[in-house]
Amino acid sequence: MRRLLSLFAAAALLVICLPVHSALPPVPVEQGMIFGGQWSHANNSTATVTNLSDLPAVVEVYTATWCENCVDVEHGLDDVQAEGALQQYHIHRAVAESQDPFGKEDLDYRWKNRYGATSITDGQQPPGVVFNGTMMKEGSVTDEASLYVEFFNMANQSLGLGDGSTSFSWTPTGTQRGTVTWALDIEDVHLENATLEVTAWVVETGAEFEEGTNGLGTYPHILRDIFFLGEERQGTASIELPPAFDGDDLEVHLIYQVNPIVVEEELDEPKESEDTPALSFVATMAALVMASVTRRND
């Protein structure tokens, strides 16, 4: 009996000591909204006009080929994307990374600067997802019925962009070059105290990596590079595409980013001390004493 009780106590202690994976709710991000998602295969000419209210949610996914929890997150996102509610952009871990060939350090640092740390020593690892640059969900544990339900709800939170529209065209001008043309019709209120940044995100539809330890084998939606196009609501720009990891499946996506203008508070100039006349008097008397001593020495 004593032995049985001892075994029971040891089992209870083991359960208590096991790590508890609590669900982390989405949290707001105060870095400005991101929207868009119109795109074209890099080899095709494309021209589209889309109402702002019809744009899918832009979802940035922080991931890695060794991250098993990332697979659950990405499958949940895939189910929502199949309904046309979101567009995924996978940013693979690159900083201090040795197991993932798809990462790019400047994209990893961009994630870190906008959304938080990127390395084990910094305290954050994949998976992480950000919807429209405004809501971030870390980890793969949810307190909703499923990750699908949580992601569906996040994807359908309106940015309130109004009745405007965005036009996008892509024209290849060579095997690795092309021209992006855009025009954004948006209410001025959304750009108050903010700047507009127009960018082209180059995505690889999918690339093979059999050595990936999370078992996917084919890794989709890989963000290859981000090109700054301008700050105007309409314009044209040429970009040179990076090579694909494998195959010929690059895509060009038009993404708008609204960056809030941070106004630094001016420091009050120090006021002149009320004791200034007294200090001047002391300095004057000290000068007279020094002069008197000098004359005596002479």
C-alpha atoms as a PDB file:
ATOM      1  CA  MET A   1       0.000   0.000   0.000  1.00  0.00           C
ATOM      2  CA  ARG A   2       2.793   2.392   0.917  1.00  0.00           C
ATOM      3  CA  ARG A   3       4.513   1.636  -2.386  1.00  0.00           C
ATOM      4  CA  LEU A   4       1.289   2.346  -4.289  1.00  0.00           C
ATOM      5  CA  LEU A   5       0.857   5.646  -2.482  1.00  0.00           C
ATOM      6  CA  SER A   6       4.471   6.551  -3.239  1.00  0.00           C
ATOM      7  CA  LEU A   7       3.966   5.827  -6.939  1.00  0.00           C
ATOM      8  CA  PHE A   8       0.788   7.900  -6.947  1.00  0.00           C
ATOM      9  CA  ALA A   9       2.559  10.825  -5.273  1.00  0.00           C
ATOM     10  CA  ALA A  10       5.439  10.630  -7.766  1.00  0.00           C
ATOM     11  CA  ALA A  11       3.008  10.610 -10.698  1.00  0.00           C
ATOM     12  CA  ALA A  12       1.138  13.601  -9.285  1.00  0.00           C
ATOM     13  CA  LEU A  13       4.401  15.498  -8.813  1.00  0.00           C
ATOM     14  CA  LEU A  14       5.391  14.735 -12.417  1.00  0.00           C
ATOM     15  CA  VAL A  15       2.110  16.114 -13.727  1.00  0.00           C
ATOM     16  CA  ILE A  16       2.514  19.259 -11.642  1.00  0.00           C
ATOM     17  CA  CYS A  17       6.044  19.790 -12.933  1.00  0.00           C
ATOM     18  CA  LEU A  18       5.132  19.384 -16.623  1.00  0.00           C
ATOM     19  CA  PRO A  19       5.149  22.696 -18.542  1.00  0.00           C
ATOM     20  CA  VAL A  20       1.721  24.203 -19.100  1.00  0.00           C
ATOM     21  CA  HIS A  21       1.166  25.711 -22.543  1.00  0.00           C
ATOM     22  CA  SER A  22      -1.308  28.479 -21.854  1.00  0.00           C
ATOM     23  CA  ALA A  23      -3.110  30.118 -24.748  1.00  0.00           C
ATOM     24  CA  LEU A  24      -1.795  33.557 -25.635  1.00  0.00           C
ATOM     25  CA  PRO A  25      -4.574  35.822 -26.923  1.00  0.00           C
ATOM     26  CA  PRO A  26      -3.932  38.149 -29.860  1.00  0.00           C
ATOM     27  CA  VAL A  27      -2.461  41.491 -28.843  1.00  0.00           C
ATOM     28  CA  PRO A  28      -2.574  44.832 -30.690  1.00  0.00           C
ATOM     29  CA  VAL A  29       0.526  46.111 -32.478  1.00  0.00           C
ATOM     30  CA  GLU A  30       1.105  49.861 -32.651  1.00  0.00           C
ATOM     31  CA  GLN A  31       3.310  49.986 -35.753  1.00  0.00           C
ATOM     32  CA  GLY A  32       0.747  50.997 -38.384  1.00  0.00           C
ATOM     33  CA  MET A  33      -1.555  48.969 -40.577  1.00  0.00           C
ATOM     34  CA  ILE A  34      -0.576  46.892 -43.603  1.00  0.00           C
ATOM     35  CA  PHE A  35      -3.020  46.067 -46.395  1.00  0.00           C
ATOM     36  CA  GLY A  36      -3.109  45.029 -50.037  1.00  0.00           C
ATOM     37  CA  GLY A  37      -2.443  41.555 -51.358  1.00  0.00           C
ATOM     38  CA  GLN A  38      -3.069  42.018 -55.075  1.00  0.00           C
ATOM     39  CA  TRP A  39      -0.559  39.864 -56.904  1.00  0.00           C
ATOM     40  CA  SER A  40       0.659  38.309 -60.116  1.00  0.00           C
ATOM     41  CA  HIS A  41       2.833  35.406 -61.177  1.00  0.00           C
ATOM     42  CA  ALA A  42       6.184  36.934 -62.104  1.00  0.00           C
ATOM     43  CA  ASN A  43       6.015  35.498 -65.631  1.00  0.00           C
ATOM     44  CA  ASN A  44       2.544  36.886 -66.390  1.00  0.00           C
ATOM     45  CA  SER A  45       1.209  40.348 -67.161  1.00  0.00           C
ATOM     46  CA  THR A  46      -1.592  41.265 -64.763  1.00  0.00           C
ATOM     47  CA  ALA A  47      -3.874  44.255 -64.164  1.00  0.00           C
ATOM     48  CA  THR A  48      -6.507  44.326 -61.404  1.00  0.00           C
ATOM     49  CA  VAL A  49      -8.718  46.828 -59.584  1.00  0.00           C
ATOM     50  CA  THR A  50     -10.036  45.848 -56.148  1.00  0.00           C
ATOM     51  CA  ASN A  51     -12.273  47.596 -53.637  1.00  0.00           C
ATOM     52  CA  LEU A  52     -10.436  48.162 -50.355  1.00  0.00           C
ATOM     53  CA  SER A  53     -13.248  46.411 -48.485  1.00  0.00           C
ATOM     54  CA  ASP A  54     -12.674  43.273 -50.601  1.00  0.00           C
ATOM     55  CA  LEU A  55      -8.953  42.910 -49.907  1.00  0.00           C
ATOM     56  CA  PRO A  56      -7.870  39.803 -47.987  1.00  0.00           C
ATOM     57  CA  ALA A  57      -6.127  40.147 -44.652  1.00  0.00           C
ATOM     58  CA  VAL A  58      -2.345  40.397 -45.041  1.00  0.00           C
ATOM     59  CA  VAL A  59      -0.899  37.784 -42.676  1.00  0.00           C
ATOM     60  CA  GLU A  60       2.822  37.732 -41.883  1.00  0.00           C
ATOM     61  CA  VAL A  61       3.889  34.340 -40.554  1.00  0.00           C
ATOM     62  CA  TYR A  62       7.129  33.890 -38.602  1.00  0.00           C
ATOM     63  CA  THR A  63       8.219  30.303 -39.135  1.00  0.00           C
ATOM     64  CA  ALA A  64      11.091  27.824 -39.545  1.00  0.00           C
ATOM     65  CA  THR A  65      11.613  24.424 -41.152  1.00  0.00           C
ATOM     66  CA  TRP A  66      12.312  22.832 -37.735  1.00  0.00           C
ATOM     67  CA  CYS A  67       9.283  24.351 -36.010  1.00  0.00           C
ATOM     68  CA  GLU A  68       6.669  21.631 -35.451  1.00  0.00           C
ATOM     69  CA  ASN A  69       4.114  23.987 -33.896  1.00  0.00           C
ATOM     70  CA  CYS A  70       4.357  26.140 -37.024  1.00  0.00           C
ATOM     71  CA  VAL A  71       2.753  23.318 -39.019  1.00  0.00           C
ATOM     72  CA  ASP A  72      -0.421  23.512 -36.898  1.00  0.00           C
ATOM     73  CA  VAL A  73      -0.519  27.285 -37.295  1.00  0.00           C
ATOM     74  CA  GLU A  74       0.002  27.158 -41.052  1.00  0.00           C
ATOM     75  CA  HIS A  75      -2.656  24.482 -41.549  1.00  0.00           C
ATOM     76  CA  GLY A  76      -5.125  26.675 -39.668  1.00  0.00           C
ATOM     77  CA  LEU A  77      -4.207  29.624 -41.877  1.00  0.00           C
ATOM     78  CA  ASP A  78      -4.490  27.474 -45.018  1.00  0.00           C
ATOM     79  CA  ASP A  79      -8.088  26.608 -44.122  1.00  0.00           C
ATOM     80  CA  VAL A  80      -8.977  30.291 -43.801  1.00  0.00           C
ATOM     81  CA  GLN A  81      -7.058  31.239 -46.955  1.00  0.00           C
ATOM     82  CA  ALA A  82      -9.038  28.632 -48.900  1.00  0.00           C
ATOM     83  CA  GLU A  83     -12.089  30.814 -48.241  1.00  0.00           C
ATOM     84  CA  GLY A  84     -10.348  33.893 -49.639  1.00  0.00           C
ATOM     85  CA  ALA A  85     -10.164  35.684 -46.295  1.00  0.00           C
ATOM     86  CA  LEU A  86      -6.380  36.081 -46.038  1.00  0.00           C
ATOM     87  CA  GLN A  87      -3.068  36.039 -47.890  1.00  0.00           C
ATOM     88  CA  GLN A  88       0.005  34.485 -46.221  1.00  0.00           C
ATOM     89  CA  TYR A  89       3.610  35.713 -46.282  1.00  0.00           C
ATOM     90  CA  HIS A  90       6.061  33.369 -44.529  1.00  0.00           C
ATOM     91  CA  ILE A  91       9.147  34.961 -42.990  1.00  0.00           C
ATOM     92  CA  HIS A  92      11.644  32.218 -42.173  1.00  0.00           C
ATOM     93  CA  ARG A  93      13.970  32.605 -39.219  1.00  0.00           C
ATOM     94  CA  ALA A  94      17.467  33.620 -40.356  1.00  0.00           C
ATOM     95  CA  VAL A  95      19.330  35.326 -37.509  1.00  0.00           C
ATOM     96  CA  ALA A  96      21.697  32.791 -35.872  1.00  0.00           C
ATOM     97  CA  GLU A  97      19.951  30.090 -37.918  1.00  0.00           C
ATOM     98  CA  SER A  98      21.667  26.926 -39.191  1.00  0.00           C
ATOM     99  CA  GLN A  99      18.770  24.591 -40.067  1.00  0.00           C
ATOM    100  CA  ASP A 100      16.552  26.726 -42.304  1.00  0.00           C
ATOM    101  CA  PRO A 101      17.757  27.616 -45.832  1.00  0.00           C
ATOM    102  CA  PHE A 102      14.849  29.955 -46.612  1.00  0.00           C
ATOM    103  CA  GLY A 103      15.543  32.761 -44.145  1.00  0.00           C
ATOM    104  CA  LYS A 104      16.882  36.201 -45.055  1.00  0.00           C
ATOM    105  CA  GLU A 105      18.489  38.264 -42.318  1.00  0.00           C
ATOM    106  CA  ASP A 106      17.103  41.652 -43.330  1.00  0.00           C
ATOM    107  CA  LEU A 107      13.564  40.211 -43.318  1.00  0.00           C
ATOM    108  CA  ASP A 108      14.213  38.576 -39.945  1.00  0.00           C
ATOM    109  CA  TYR A 109      15.480  41.877 -38.535  1.00  0.00           C
ATOM    110  CA  ARG A 110      12.429  43.628 -39.980  1.00  0.00           C
ATOM    111  CA  TRP A 111      10.209  41.218 -38.034  1.00  0.00           C
ATOM    112  CA  LYS A 112      12.258  41.820 -34.899  1.00  0.00           C
ATOM    113  CA  ASN A 113      12.124  45.604 -35.238  1.00  0.00           C
ATOM    114  CA  ARG A 114       8.368  45.674 -35.875  1.00  0.00           C
ATOM    115  CA  TYR A 115       7.067  42.842 -33.743  1.00  0.00           C
ATOM    116  CA  GLY A 116       9.650  41.711 -31.229  1.00  0.00           C
ATOM    117  CA  ALA A 117      12.631  39.421 -30.700  1.00  0.00           C
ATOM    118  CA  THR A 118      13.721  36.743 -33.168  1.00  0.00           C
ATOM    119  CA  SER A 119      16.276  34.547 -31.457  1.00  0.00           C
ATOM    120  CA  ILE A 120      16.319  32.109 -28.565  1.00  0.00           C
ATOM    121  CA  THR A 121      18.373  34.493 -26.455  1.00  0.00           C
ATOM    122  CA  ASP A 122      15.882  37.265 -27.169  1.00  0.00           C
ATOM    123  CA  GLY A 123      13.071  35.098 -25.884  1.00  0.00           C
ATOM    124  CA  GLN A 124      10.802  34.666 -28.920  1.00  0.00           C
ATOM    125  CA  GLN A 125      10.693  31.788 -31.379  1.00  0.00           C
ATOM    126  CA  PRO A 126       8.282  30.802 -34.129  1.00  0.00           C
ATOM    127  CA  PRO A 127       5.409  30.460 -34.631  1.00  0.00           C
ATOM    128  CA  GLY A 128       3.999  33.962 -34.697  1.00  0.00           C
ATOM    129  CA  VAL A 129       1.423  35.590 -36.975  1.00  0.00           C
ATOM    130  CA  VAL A 130       0.464  39.226 -37.512  1.00  0.00           C
ATOM    131  CA  PHE A 131      -2.778  40.222 -39.234  1.00  0.00           C
ATOM    132  CA  ASN A 132      -2.726  43.478 -41.239  1.00  0.00           C
ATOM    133  CA  GLY A 133       0.192  44.720 -39.151  1.00  0.00           C
ATOM    134  CA  THR A 134      -2.190  45.431 -36.271  1.00  0.00           C
ATOM    135  CA  MET A 135      -2.873  42.176 -34.343  1.00  0.00           C
ATOM    136  CA  MET A 136      -0.272  39.594 -33.303  1.00  0.00           C
ATOM    137  CA  LYS A 137      -0.798  35.999 -32.187  1.00  0.00           C
ATOM    138  CA  GLU A 138       2.146  34.043 -30.706  1.00  0.00           C
ATOM    139  CA  GLY A 139       2.311  30.275 -30.429  1.00  0.00           C
ATOM    140  CA  SER A 140      -0.016  27.515 -31.557  1.00  0.00           C
ATOM    141  CA  VAL A 141      -2.281  27.172 -28.509  1.00  0.00           C
ATOM    142  CA  THR A 142      -5.738  28.718 -28.708  1.00  0.00           C
ATOM    143  CA  ASP A 143      -8.579  29.197 -26.267  1.00  0.00           C
ATOM    144  CA  GLU A 144     -11.040  29.260 -29.173  1.00  0.00           C
ATOM    145  CA  ALA A 145     -12.688  26.127 -30.569  1.00  0.00           C
ATOM    146  CA  SER A 146      -9.729  25.762 -32.970  1.00  0.00           C
ATOM    147  CA  LEU A 147      -6.947  27.755 -34.580  1.00  0.00           C
ATOM    148  CA  TYR A 148      -9.162  27.987 -37.662  1.00  0.00           C
ATOM    149  CA  VAL A 149     -11.856  29.781 -35.658  1.00  0.00           C
ATOM    150  CA  GLU A 150      -9.357  32.165 -34.071  1.00  0.00           C
ATOM    151  CA  PHE A 151      -7.670  32.970 -37.388  1.00  0.00           C
ATOM    152  CA  PHE A 152     -11.020  33.344 -39.155  1.00  0.00           C
ATOM    153  CA  ASN A 153     -12.139  35.896 -36.574  1.00  0.00           C
ATOM    154  CA  MET A 154      -8.856  37.802 -36.821  1.00  0.00           C
ATOM    155  CA  ALA A 155      -8.961  37.815 -40.624  1.00  0.00           C
ATOM    156  CA  ASN A 156     -12.462  39.270 -40.625  1.00  0.00           C
ATOM    157  CA  GLN A 157     -11.700  42.215 -38.348  1.00  0.00           C
ATOM    158  CA  SER A 158     -12.228  45.192 -40.635  1.00  0.00           C
ATOM    159  CA  LEU A 159      -9.615  47.915 -40.966  1.00  0.00           C
ATOM    160  CA  GLY A 160     -12.421  50.322 -41.867  1.00  0.00           C
ATOM    161  CA  LEU A 161     -10.707  51.500 -45.042  1.00  0.00           C
ATOM    162  CA  GLY A 162     -13.935  52.803 -46.554  1.00  0.00           C
ATOM    163  CA  ASP A 163     -15.181  52.762 -50.139  1.00  0.00           C
ATOM    164  CA  GLY A 164     -11.867  53.324 -51.907  1.00  0.00           C
ATOM    165  CA  SER A 165     -10.026  51.038 -54.285  1.00  0.00           C
ATOM    166  CA  THR A 166      -6.569  49.958 -55.345  1.00  0.00           C
ATOM    167  CA  SER A 167      -5.294  49.161 -58.823  1.00  0.00           C
ATOM    168  CA  PHE A 168      -2.245  47.004 -59.508  1.00  0.00           C
ATOM    169  CA  SER A 169      -0.462  45.919 -62.625  1.00  0.00           C
ATOM    170  CA  TRP A 170       2.655  43.872 -63.205  1.00  0.00           C
ATOM    171  CA  THR A 171       4.485  43.711 -66.526  1.00  0.00           C
ATOM    172  CA  PRO A 172       7.536  41.462 -66.976  1.00  0.00           C
ATOM    173  CA  THR A 173      10.335  43.224 -68.847  1.00  0.00           C
ATOM    174  CA  GLY A 174      12.870  40.379 -68.757  1.00  0.00           C
ATOM    175  CA  THR A 175      13.522  37.037 -67.139  1.00  0.00           C
ATOM    176  CA  GLN A 176      14.205  38.638 -63.740  1.00  0.00           C
ATOM    177  CA  ARG A 177      12.768  42.135 -64.097  1.00  0.00           C
ATOM    178  CA  GLY A 178       9.404  43.797 -64.298  1.00  0.00           C
ATOM    179  CA  THR A 179       7.378  46.965 -63.729  1.00  0.00           C
ATOM    180  CA  VAL A 180       4.816  47.579 -61.009  1.00  0.00           C
ATOM    181  CA  THR A 181       2.119  50.229 -61.452  1.00  0.00           C
ATOM    182  CA  TRP A 182      -0.272  51.161 -58.660  1.00  0.00           C
ATOM    183  CA  ALA A 183      -2.996  53.658 -57.772  1.00  0.00           C
ATOM    184  CA  LEU A 184      -4.568  53.915 -54.331  1.00  0.00           C
ATOM    185  CA  ASP A 185      -7.895  55.668 -53.777  1.00  0.00           C
ATOM    186  CA  ILE A 186      -8.235  56.025 -50.007  1.00  0.00           C
ATOM    187  CA  GLU A 187      -9.811  58.542 -47.662  1.00  0.00           C
ATOM    188  CA  ASP A 188      -7.387  61.141 -46.331  1.00  0.00           C
ATOM    189  CA  VAL A 189      -8.375  60.360 -42.744  1.00  0.00           C
ATOM    190  CA  HIS A 190      -6.428  57.068 -42.913  1.00  0.00           C
ATOM    191  CA  LEU A 191      -3.209  58.921 -43.704  1.00  0.00           C
ATOM    192  CA  GLU A 192      -3.511  61.660 -41.083  1.00  0.00           C
ATOM    193  CA  ASN A 193      -0.349  61.880 -38.961  1.00  0.00           C
ATOM    194  CA  ALA A 194       1.097  59.023 -40.988  1.00  0.00           C
ATOM    195  CA  THR A 195       3.166  58.294 -44.069  1.00  0.00           C
ATOM    196  CA  LEU A 196       2.330  55.887 -46.867  1.00  0.00           C
ATOM    197  CA  GLU A 197       4.891  53.295 -47.921  1.00  0.00           C
ATOM    198  CA  VAL A 198       4.210  51.373 -51.125  1.00  0.00           C
ATOM    199  CA  THR A 199       6.087  48.082 -51.457  1.00  0.00           C
ATOM    200  CA  ALA A 200       6.370  44.998 -53.653  1.00  0.00           C
ATOM    201  CA  TRP A 201       6.708  41.701 -51.787  1.00  0.00           C
ATOM    202  CA  VAL A 202       8.289  38.905 -53.812  1.00  0.00           C
ATOM    203  CA  VAL A 203       6.986  35.488 -52.770  1.00  0.00           C
ATOM    204  CA  GLU A 204       8.008  31.988 -53.802  1.00  0.00           C
ATOM    205  CA  THR A 205       4.923  29.787 -54.088  1.00  0.00           C
ATOM    206  CA  GLY A 206       6.779  26.803 -52.641  1.00  0.00           C
ATOM    207  CA  ALA A 207      10.241  25.276 -52.304  1.00  0.00           C
ATOM    208  CA  GLU A 208      11.466  21.791 -51.396  1.00  0.00           C
ATOM    209  CA  PHE A 209      13.557  21.010 -48.324  1.00  0.00           C
ATOM    210  CA  GLU A 210      13.375  17.350 -47.400  1.00  0.00           C
ATOM    211  CA  GLU A 211      15.740  17.892 -44.457  1.00  0.00           C
ATOM    212  CA  GLY A 212      13.197  20.074 -42.688  1.00  0.00           C
ATOM    213  CA  THR A 213      12.544  18.346 -39.394  1.00  0.00           C
ATOM    214  CA  ASN A 214       8.912  19.464 -39.057  1.00  0.00           C
ATOM    215  CA  GLY A 215       8.063  17.148 -41.946  1.00  0.00           C
ATOM    216  CA  LEU A 216       6.458  19.565 -44.408  1.00  0.00           C
ATOM    217  CA  GLY A 217       8.915  18.815 -47.197  1.00  0.00           C
ATOM    218  CA  THR A 218       7.491  21.590 -49.388  1.00  0.00           C
ATOM    219  CA  TYR A 219       7.442  25.026 -47.758  1.00  0.00           C
ATOM    220  CA  PRO A 220       4.882  27.489 -49.148  1.00  0.00           C
ATOM    221  CA  HIS A 221       4.410  31.273 -49.326  1.00  0.00           C
ATOM    222  CA  ILE A 222       8.115  32.056 -48.743  1.00  0.00           C
ATOM    223  CA  LEU A 223       8.748  35.801 -48.577  1.00  0.00           C
ATOM    224  CA  ARG A 224      11.915  36.332 -50.631  1.00  0.00           C
ATOM    225  CA  ASP A 225      12.311  40.110 -50.585  1.00  0.00           C
ATOM    226  CA  ILE A 226      10.563  43.447 -50.024  1.00  0.00           C
ATOM    227  CA  PHE A 227      11.104  46.328 -52.453  1.00  0.00           C
ATOM    228  CA  PHE A 228      10.263  49.935 -51.588  1.00  0.00           C
ATOM    229  CA  LEU A 229       8.352  51.505 -54.500  1.00  0.00           C
ATOM    230  CA  GLY A 230       7.524  54.988 -53.241  1.00  0.00           C
ATOM    231  CA  GLU A 231       5.382  57.120 -50.949  1.00  0.00           C
ATOM    232  CA  GLU A 232       2.860  58.460 -53.446  1.00  0.00           C
ATOM    233  CA  ARG A 233      -0.645  57.101 -53.890  1.00  0.00           C
ATOM    234  CA  GLN A 234       0.062  56.288 -57.500  1.00  0.00           C
ATOM    235  CA  GLY A 235       3.179  55.551 -59.483  1.00  0.00           C
ATOM    236  CA  THR A 236       5.319  53.140 -61.447  1.00  0.00           C
ATOM    237  CA  ALA A 237       8.552  51.400 -60.438  1.00  0.00           C
ATOM    238  CA  SER A 238      10.830  48.692 -61.819  1.00  0.00           C
ATOM    239  CA  ILE A 239      12.267  45.903 -59.699  1.00  0.00           C
ATOM    240  CA  GLU A 240      14.739  43.084 -60.230  1.00  0.00           C
ATOM    241  CA  LEU A 241      13.571  39.753 -58.884  1.00  0.00           C
ATOM    242  CA  PRO A 242      15.702  37.405 -56.775  1.00  0.00           C
ATOM    243  CA  PRO A 243      16.262  33.891 -58.143  1.00  0.00           C
ATOM    244  CA  ALA A 244      13.856  31.198 -57.015  1.00  0.00           C
ATOM    245  CA  PHE A 245      15.113  28.527 -54.629  1.00  0.00           C
ATOM    246  CA  ASP A 246      13.796  25.938 -57.051  1.00  0.00           C
ATOM    247  CA  GLY A 247      11.367  25.881 -59.960  1.00  0.00           C
ATOM    248  CA  ASP A 248       9.946  28.994 -61.605  1.00  0.00           C
ATOM    249  CA  ASP A 249       7.182  30.082 -59.234  1.00  0.00           C
ATOM    250  CA  LEU A 250       7.863  33.618 -58.036  1.00  0.00           C
ATOM    251  CA  GLU A 251       4.973  35.995 -57.373  1.00  0.00           C
ATOM    252  CA  VAL A 252       4.855  39.806 -57.043  1.00  0.00           C
ATOM    253  CA  HIS A 253       2.466  41.245 -54.434  1.00  0.00           C
ATOM    254  CA  LEU A 254       1.465  44.878 -53.918  1.00  0.00           C
ATOM    255  CA  ILE A 255       1.463  45.850 -50.221  1.00  0.00           C
ATOM    256  CA  TYR A 256       0.673  49.232 -48.653  1.00  0.00           C
ATOM    257  CA  GLN A 257       2.004  50.173 -45.252  1.00  0.00           C
ATOM    258  CA  VAL A 258       0.752  53.142 -43.219  1.00  0.00           C
ATOM    259  CA  ASN A 259       3.415  54.291 -40.771  1.00  0.00           C
ATOM    260  CA  PRO A 260       2.335  56.565 -37.911  1.00  0.00           C
ATOM    261  CA  ILE A 261       4.438  59.677 -37.480  1.00  0.00           C
ATOM    262  CA  VAL A 262       6.009  59.675 -34.048  1.00  0.00           C
ATOM    263  CA  VAL A 263       6.234  63.187 -32.644  1.00  0.00           C
ATOM    264  CA  GLU A 264       9.005  63.539 -30.111  1.00  0.00           C
ATOM    265  CA  GLU A 265       8.168  65.765 -27.180  1.00  0.00           C
ATOM    266  CA  GLU A 266      10.373  68.829 -26.989  1.00  0.00           C
ATOM    267  CA  LEU A 267      12.258  69.211 -23.754  1.00  0.00           C
ATOM    268  CA  ASP A 268      11.568  72.451 -21.894  1.00  0.00           C
ATOM    269  CA  GLU A 269      14.527  74.828 -21.936  1.00  0.00           C
ATOM    270  CA  PRO A 270      16.020  75.209 -18.473  1.00  0.00           C
ATOM    271  CA  LYS A 271      14.839  78.354 -16.776  1.00  0.00           C
ATOM    272  CA  GLU A 272      17.356  80.844 -15.514  1.00  0.00           C
ATOM    273  CA  SER A 273      17.863  80.411 -11.833  1.00  0.00           C
ATOM    274  CA  GLU A 274      16.509  83.108  -9.559  1.00  0.00           C
ATOM    275  CA  ASP A 275      19.839  82.954  -7.742  1.00  0.00           C
ATOM    276  CA  THR A 276      21.726  84.209 -10.794  1.00  0.00           C
ATOM    277  CA  PRO A 277      22.222  87.795  -9.459  1.00  0.00           C
ATOM    278  CA  ALA A 278      23.599  86.422  -6.209  1.00  0.00           C
ATOM    279  CA  LEU A 279      25.964  84.130  -8.076  1.00  0.00           C
ATOM    280  CA  SER A 280      27.125  87.090 -10.195  1.00  0.00           C
ATOM    281  CA  PHE A 281      27.794  89.086  -7.051  1.00  0.00           C
ATOM    282  CA  VAL A 282      29.866  86.231  -5.575  1.00  0.00           C
ATOM    283  CA  ALA A 283      31.839  85.904  -8.819  1.00  0.00           C
ATOM    284  CA  THR A 284      32.483  89.662  -8.885  1.00  0.00           C
ATOM    285  CA  MET A 285      33.725  89.700  -5.287  1.00  0.00           C
ATOM    286  CA  ALA A 286      36.004  86.712  -5.996  1.00  0.00           C
ATOM    287  CA  ALA A 287      37.503  88.552  -8.955  1.00  0.00           C
ATOM    288  CA  LEU A 288      38.167  91.671  -6.835  1.00  0.00           C
ATOM    289  CA  VAL A 289      39.873  89.564  -4.127  1.00  0.00           C
ATOM    290  CA  MET A 290      42.092  87.876  -6.717  1.00  0.00           C
ATOM    291  CA  ALA A 291      43.045  91.246  -8.179  1.00  0.00           C
ATOM    292  CA  SER A 292      43.914  92.579  -4.723  1.00  0.00           C
ATOM    293  CA  VAL A 293      46.114  89.553  -3.998  1.00  0.00           C
ATOM    294  CA  THR A 294      47.893  89.972  -7.313  1.00  0.00           C
ATOM    295  CA  ARG A 295      48.697  93.648  -6.620  1.00  0.00           C
ATOM    296  CA  ARG A 296      50.135  92.751  -3.183  1.00  0.00           C
ATOM    297  CA  ASN A 297      52.365  90.102  -4.710  1.00  0.00           C
ATOM    298  CA  ASP A 298      53.627  92.624  -7.222  1.00  0.00           C
END
